N, C-alpha and C. Protein backbone atom coordinates (compact mmCIF):
# COMPACT_ATOMS: atom_id res chain seq x y z
N MET A 1 -10.76 5.99 -34.35
CA MET A 1 -10.89 4.44 -33.91
C MET A 1 -11.34 4.61 -32.07
N THR A 2 -10.14 5.71 -31.75
CA THR A 2 -10.58 5.78 -29.91
C THR A 2 -11.53 6.27 -30.00
N ILE A 3 -12.11 7.28 -30.44
CA ILE A 3 -13.61 7.80 -30.25
C ILE A 3 -14.68 6.60 -30.25
N ASP A 4 -14.75 5.95 -31.09
CA ASP A 4 -15.71 4.75 -31.00
C ASP A 4 -15.50 3.93 -30.10
N ILE A 5 -14.38 3.70 -29.27
CA ILE A 5 -13.76 2.88 -28.31
C ILE A 5 -14.11 3.64 -26.92
N LEU A 6 -13.82 4.80 -26.95
CA LEU A 6 -14.19 5.65 -26.09
C LEU A 6 -15.84 5.96 -25.44
N ALA A 7 -16.32 6.06 -26.79
CA ALA A 7 -17.88 6.09 -26.77
C ALA A 7 -18.47 4.52 -26.75
N ILE A 8 -18.28 3.11 -27.02
CA ILE A 8 -18.83 2.17 -26.80
C ILE A 8 -18.56 2.29 -25.13
N LEU A 9 -17.16 1.93 -24.43
CA LEU A 9 -16.91 2.27 -22.90
C LEU A 9 -17.88 3.16 -22.32
N GLN A 10 -18.45 4.06 -22.79
CA GLN A 10 -19.15 5.21 -21.53
C GLN A 10 -20.50 4.11 -21.98
N ILE A 11 -20.96 3.95 -22.72
CA ILE A 11 -22.18 2.96 -23.25
C ILE A 11 -22.39 1.91 -21.97
N ILE A 12 -21.62 0.96 -22.01
CA ILE A 12 -21.56 0.51 -21.17
C ILE A 12 -21.24 0.35 -19.88
N VAL A 13 -20.30 1.30 -19.29
CA VAL A 13 -20.02 2.28 -17.65
C VAL A 13 -21.98 2.65 -17.50
N SER A 14 -22.30 3.06 -18.30
CA SER A 14 -23.82 4.03 -18.18
C SER A 14 -24.66 3.37 -17.68
N ILE A 15 -24.90 1.66 -18.42
CA ILE A 15 -25.68 1.26 -18.01
C ILE A 15 -25.59 0.46 -16.93
N LEU A 16 -24.28 0.06 -16.96
CA LEU A 16 -23.67 -1.17 -15.35
C LEU A 16 -24.29 0.67 -14.41
N LEU A 17 -23.93 1.40 -14.97
CA LEU A 17 -24.01 2.52 -13.32
C LEU A 17 -25.31 2.84 -13.25
N ILE A 18 -26.37 2.67 -14.54
CA ILE A 18 -27.77 2.91 -13.90
C ILE A 18 -28.30 1.05 -12.92
N THR A 19 -27.38 0.65 -13.60
CA THR A 19 -28.07 -1.03 -12.67
C THR A 19 -28.25 -0.85 -11.41
N GLY A 20 -26.59 0.06 -11.17
CA GLY A 20 -26.30 -0.40 -9.70
C GLY A 20 -27.30 1.20 -8.81
N VAL A 21 -27.01 1.80 -9.69
CA VAL A 21 -28.27 2.63 -8.74
C VAL A 21 -29.16 2.39 -8.31
N LEU A 22 -29.86 1.45 -9.18
CA LEU A 22 -31.62 0.90 -9.05
C LEU A 22 -31.79 -0.45 -8.15
N LEU A 23 -30.02 -0.40 -8.11
CA LEU A 23 -30.19 -2.03 -6.72
C LEU A 23 -29.98 -1.50 -5.40
N GLN A 24 -29.77 -0.04 -5.64
CA GLN A 24 -29.26 0.51 -4.20
C GLN A 24 -30.59 1.10 -3.65
N GLN A 25 -31.34 1.08 -2.67
CA GLN A 25 -32.58 0.79 -1.61
C GLN A 25 -32.41 1.17 -0.82
N ARG A 26 -32.64 2.79 -0.36
CA ARG A 26 -32.36 3.17 1.22
C ARG A 26 -33.34 2.85 2.04
N GLY A 27 -33.14 2.58 3.36
CA GLY A 27 -33.71 1.47 4.74
C GLY A 27 -34.54 0.68 4.18
N SER A 28 -33.92 0.06 2.94
CA SER A 28 -34.19 -1.67 3.29
C SER A 28 -33.10 -2.43 2.89
N ALA A 29 -33.87 -3.80 2.68
CA ALA A 29 -32.80 -4.81 2.60
C ALA A 29 -32.89 -5.11 0.97
N MET A 30 -31.60 -5.82 0.93
CA MET A 30 -31.27 -6.25 -0.91
C MET A 30 -32.43 -6.50 -1.13
N GLY A 31 -33.07 -7.95 -0.53
CA GLY A 31 -34.55 -8.46 -0.95
C GLY A 31 -35.70 -7.39 -1.56
N SER A 32 -35.64 -6.37 -0.95
CA SER A 32 -37.06 -5.60 -1.43
C SER A 32 -36.67 -5.20 -3.12
N ALA A 33 -35.50 -4.91 -3.65
CA ALA A 33 -35.36 -4.60 -4.88
C ALA A 33 -35.95 -5.70 -5.47
N PHE A 34 -36.06 -6.82 -5.42
CA PHE A 34 -36.77 -7.61 -6.16
C PHE A 34 -38.23 -7.93 -5.53
N GLY A 35 -38.97 -7.49 -5.11
CA GLY A 35 -40.24 -7.61 -4.88
C GLY A 35 -40.51 -8.12 -3.13
N GLN A 36 -39.66 -8.25 -2.38
CA GLN A 36 -39.98 -8.52 -0.80
C GLN A 36 -40.24 -7.07 -0.32
N GLU A 37 -40.91 -7.49 1.21
CA GLU A 37 -41.30 -6.33 1.98
C GLU A 37 -40.34 -6.30 3.02
N GLY A 38 -39.51 -5.03 3.07
CA GLY A 38 -38.53 -4.26 4.11
C GLY A 38 -39.35 -3.63 4.82
N GLY A 39 -38.56 -3.63 6.14
CA GLY A 39 -38.77 -2.69 7.52
C GLY A 39 -38.65 -1.14 6.72
N ALA A 40 -38.66 -0.23 7.75
CA ALA A 40 -38.12 0.95 8.24
C ALA A 40 -37.02 1.10 8.76
N PHE A 41 -35.99 0.55 8.67
CA PHE A 41 -34.82 -0.16 9.14
C PHE A 41 -33.88 0.87 8.20
N TYR A 42 -32.76 1.27 9.22
CA TYR A 42 -32.21 2.34 8.38
C TYR A 42 -30.44 1.96 9.33
N GLY A 43 -30.22 1.19 8.48
CA GLY A 43 -28.45 0.37 9.14
C GLY A 43 -27.79 0.74 8.54
N SER A 44 -26.15 0.51 8.58
CA SER A 44 -24.96 0.57 8.02
C SER A 44 -24.85 -0.79 6.85
N ARG A 45 -24.51 -0.33 5.47
CA ARG A 45 -24.50 -1.16 4.57
C ARG A 45 -23.26 -2.10 4.83
N ARG A 46 -23.62 -3.82 4.58
CA ARG A 46 -22.93 -4.49 5.19
C ARG A 46 -23.16 -5.98 3.74
N GLY A 47 -22.26 -6.59 3.55
CA GLY A 47 -22.26 -7.01 2.79
C GLY A 47 -22.38 -7.12 0.91
N ILE A 48 -22.98 -7.87 0.36
CA ILE A 48 -23.06 -6.92 -1.15
C ILE A 48 -23.60 -5.69 -1.15
N GLU A 49 -24.53 -4.86 -0.33
CA GLU A 49 -25.04 -3.81 -0.56
C GLU A 49 -23.69 -2.76 -0.29
N LYS A 50 -22.71 -3.25 0.34
CA LYS A 50 -21.78 -2.34 0.61
C LYS A 50 -20.74 -2.17 -0.96
N LYS A 51 -20.67 -3.64 -1.59
CA LYS A 51 -19.78 -3.90 -2.72
C LYS A 51 -20.49 -3.12 -3.47
N ILE A 52 -21.47 -3.06 -3.82
CA ILE A 52 -22.67 -2.51 -4.68
C ILE A 52 -22.63 -0.94 -4.96
N PHE A 53 -22.44 -0.17 -3.27
CA PHE A 53 -22.17 0.75 -3.32
C PHE A 53 -20.95 1.46 -4.18
N TRP A 54 -20.07 0.77 -3.57
CA TRP A 54 -18.76 0.69 -3.96
C TRP A 54 -18.53 0.97 -5.53
N ALA A 55 -19.05 -0.11 -5.85
CA ALA A 55 -18.82 -0.25 -7.07
C ALA A 55 -19.59 0.88 -7.79
N THR A 56 -21.03 1.31 -7.80
CA THR A 56 -21.49 2.27 -8.16
C THR A 56 -20.47 3.50 -7.74
N VAL A 57 -20.35 4.04 -7.09
CA VAL A 57 -19.04 5.26 -6.73
C VAL A 57 -17.57 4.78 -7.48
N THR A 58 -17.48 3.41 -7.75
CA THR A 58 -16.25 3.28 -8.94
C THR A 58 -16.93 3.80 -10.61
N LEU A 59 -17.77 3.16 -10.80
CA LEU A 59 -18.65 3.64 -12.27
C LEU A 59 -18.87 4.87 -12.50
N GLY A 60 -19.52 5.40 -11.48
CA GLY A 60 -19.82 7.04 -11.34
C GLY A 60 -18.16 7.66 -11.82
N ALA A 61 -17.24 7.55 -10.74
CA ALA A 61 -16.00 8.58 -11.48
C ALA A 61 -15.08 7.87 -12.79
N LEU A 62 -15.73 6.68 -12.98
CA LEU A 62 -14.70 5.88 -14.40
C LEU A 62 -15.80 6.69 -15.81
N PHE A 63 -16.92 6.64 -15.39
CA PHE A 63 -18.07 7.61 -16.16
C PHE A 63 -16.99 9.11 -16.41
N ILE A 64 -17.22 9.86 -15.28
CA ILE A 64 -16.68 11.04 -15.68
C ILE A 64 -15.51 11.30 -16.36
N ILE A 65 -14.69 10.44 -16.11
CA ILE A 65 -13.26 10.32 -16.57
C ILE A 65 -13.59 10.16 -18.17
N LEU A 66 -14.28 9.22 -18.01
CA LEU A 66 -14.84 9.28 -20.04
C LEU A 66 -14.90 10.13 -20.83
N ALA A 67 -15.98 10.87 -20.07
CA ALA A 67 -16.94 12.06 -20.17
C ALA A 67 -15.79 12.95 -20.60
N VAL A 68 -15.01 13.21 -19.75
CA VAL A 68 -13.77 13.88 -19.87
C VAL A 68 -13.05 14.15 -21.17
N LEU A 69 -12.72 12.30 -21.46
CA LEU A 69 -11.50 12.16 -22.21
C LEU A 69 -12.45 12.48 -23.59
N ASN A 70 -13.66 11.64 -23.54
CA ASN A 70 -14.17 11.87 -24.94
C ASN A 70 -14.52 13.64 -25.36
N LEU A 71 -14.22 14.59 -24.20
CA LEU A 71 -14.55 16.12 -24.92
C LEU A 71 -13.10 16.31 -25.41
N ILE A 72 -12.26 15.49 -24.78
CA ILE A 72 -10.90 15.44 -25.33
C ILE A 72 -10.43 15.33 -26.61
N PHE A 73 -10.99 14.18 -27.13
CA PHE A 73 -10.39 13.74 -28.39
C PHE A 73 -11.55 14.00 -28.57
């Protein structure tokens, strides 16, 4: 029972992690992920880009924790 829940959670987290990584594009604004042109401006992350970055970091850590728990159980 626990193994099934861990596996399902890991699949959900992995899909969210893939989405978070794909939404991030270095050197362009958020809109370029959806087809808009962006200049070659490298600035700091602000607003939604910063939130997506930290959500991706958190999901990555959660994915690793779930993988280790899957190995233990």
